Amino acid sequence: MIKNPSHPKKNQRKVKQCKFTRAGLEYIDYKDVDTLQRFTNDQGKILPRRVTGNSAKHQRQLTTAVKRARFLALMPYVEENIR
């Protein structure tokens, strides 16, 4: 059977790029709540690297920034469930 090279393998995943690296940001600001909320789910939990595609360095900075924003009451710890 001849393999068709135009079709990607089924189990091959597309590599996600870090959004902060592409934007050229070196520091993630805890006061930029809109950006931080894009990396949290509807419950307020921080999304993991495998979902967001962030690099390890920026994921650590993101986690610190979200925790700092929560402590200063810029972001909620837990979102209210709307039924």
Protein backbone atom coordinates (compact mmCIF):
# COMPACT_ATOMS: atom_id res chain seq x y z
CA MET A 1 0.00 0.00 0.00
CA ILE A 2 1.37 3.40 -0.96
CA LYS A 3 1.39 6.05 1.74
CA ASN A 4 0.12 9.44 0.73
CA PRO A 5 2.52 12.13 2.04
CA SER A 6 -0.05 14.91 1.63
CA HIS A 7 -2.10 13.62 4.59
CA PRO A 8 -0.59 14.14 8.06
CA LYS A 9 -0.50 11.25 10.47
CA LYS A 10 -3.57 10.92 12.66
CA ASN A 11 -1.65 10.93 15.93
CA GLN A 12 0.62 13.81 14.93
CA ARG A 13 -0.22 17.01 16.82
CA LYS A 14 0.31 20.57 15.75
CA VAL A 15 2.97 22.25 17.88
CA LYS A 16 1.55 25.21 19.76
CA GLN A 17 3.67 28.33 19.99
CA CYS A 18 4.02 30.47 23.07
CA LYS A 19 1.91 33.60 22.67
CA PHE A 20 4.23 35.66 24.85
CA THR A 21 7.32 34.69 22.85
CA ARG A 22 5.60 35.58 19.57
CA ALA A 23 4.53 38.95 21.00
CA GLY A 24 8.07 39.63 22.23
CA LEU A 25 7.07 40.03 25.89
CA GLU A 26 9.73 39.32 28.47
CA TYR A 27 7.63 40.09 31.56
CA ILE A 28 4.00 39.21 32.24
CA ASP A 29 2.35 42.02 34.16
CA TYR A 30 -0.03 41.08 36.98
CA LYS A 31 -2.04 44.27 36.36
CA ASP A 32 -3.02 43.16 32.84
CA VAL A 33 -6.09 41.26 33.98
CA ASP A 34 -7.58 40.81 30.49
CA THR A 35 -4.52 38.88 29.34
CA LEU A 36 -4.43 36.80 32.52
CA GLN A 37 -8.08 35.83 32.24
CA ARG A 38 -7.47 34.35 28.79
CA PHE A 39 -5.26 31.75 30.49
CA THR A 40 -7.83 30.74 33.11
CA ASN A 41 -10.88 28.56 32.58
CA ASP A 42 -14.48 29.41 33.45
CA GLN A 43 -13.94 28.25 37.04
CA GLY A 44 -10.92 30.52 37.49
CA LYS A 45 -8.28 27.78 37.37
CA ILE A 46 -5.00 28.37 35.54
CA LEU A 47 -4.82 26.40 32.29
CA PRO A 48 -1.85 24.02 31.90
CA ARG A 49 0.96 24.36 29.35
CA ARG A 50 -0.32 21.55 27.17
CA VAL A 51 -3.54 23.50 26.60
CA THR A 52 -2.15 27.03 26.20
CA GLY A 53 1.10 26.19 24.43
CA ASN A 54 3.18 28.48 26.64
CA SER A 55 6.86 27.91 27.21
CA ALA A 56 7.94 26.75 30.67
CA LYS A 57 9.44 30.15 31.50
CA HIS A 58 6.30 32.06 30.57
CA GLN A 59 4.01 29.53 32.26
CA ARG A 60 5.89 30.09 35.54
CA GLN A 61 5.61 33.86 35.11
CA LEU A 62 1.93 33.54 34.23
CA THR A 63 1.23 31.47 37.34
CA THR A 64 3.01 33.99 39.55
CA ALA A 65 1.16 36.90 37.92
CA VAL A 66 -2.25 35.23 38.33
CA LYS A 67 -1.57 34.42 41.98
CA ARG A 68 -0.39 37.98 42.62
CA ALA A 69 -3.47 39.44 40.89
CA ARG A 70 -5.73 37.20 42.97
CA PHE A 71 -4.01 38.25 46.20
CA LEU A 72 -4.48 41.95 45.32
CA ALA A 73 -8.16 41.31 44.45
CA LEU A 74 -7.71 42.13 40.76
CA MET A 75 -8.98 38.66 39.86
CA PRO A 76 -11.31 36.31 41.73
CA TYR A 77 -10.00 33.07 43.18
CA VAL A 78 -13.12 31.18 42.07
CA GLU A 79 -15.71 32.20 39.51
CA GLU A 80 -19.37 31.91 40.43
CA ASN A 81 -21.21 29.08 38.69
CA ILE A 82 -24.05 30.41 36.59
CA ARG A 83 -26.83 27.91 36.05
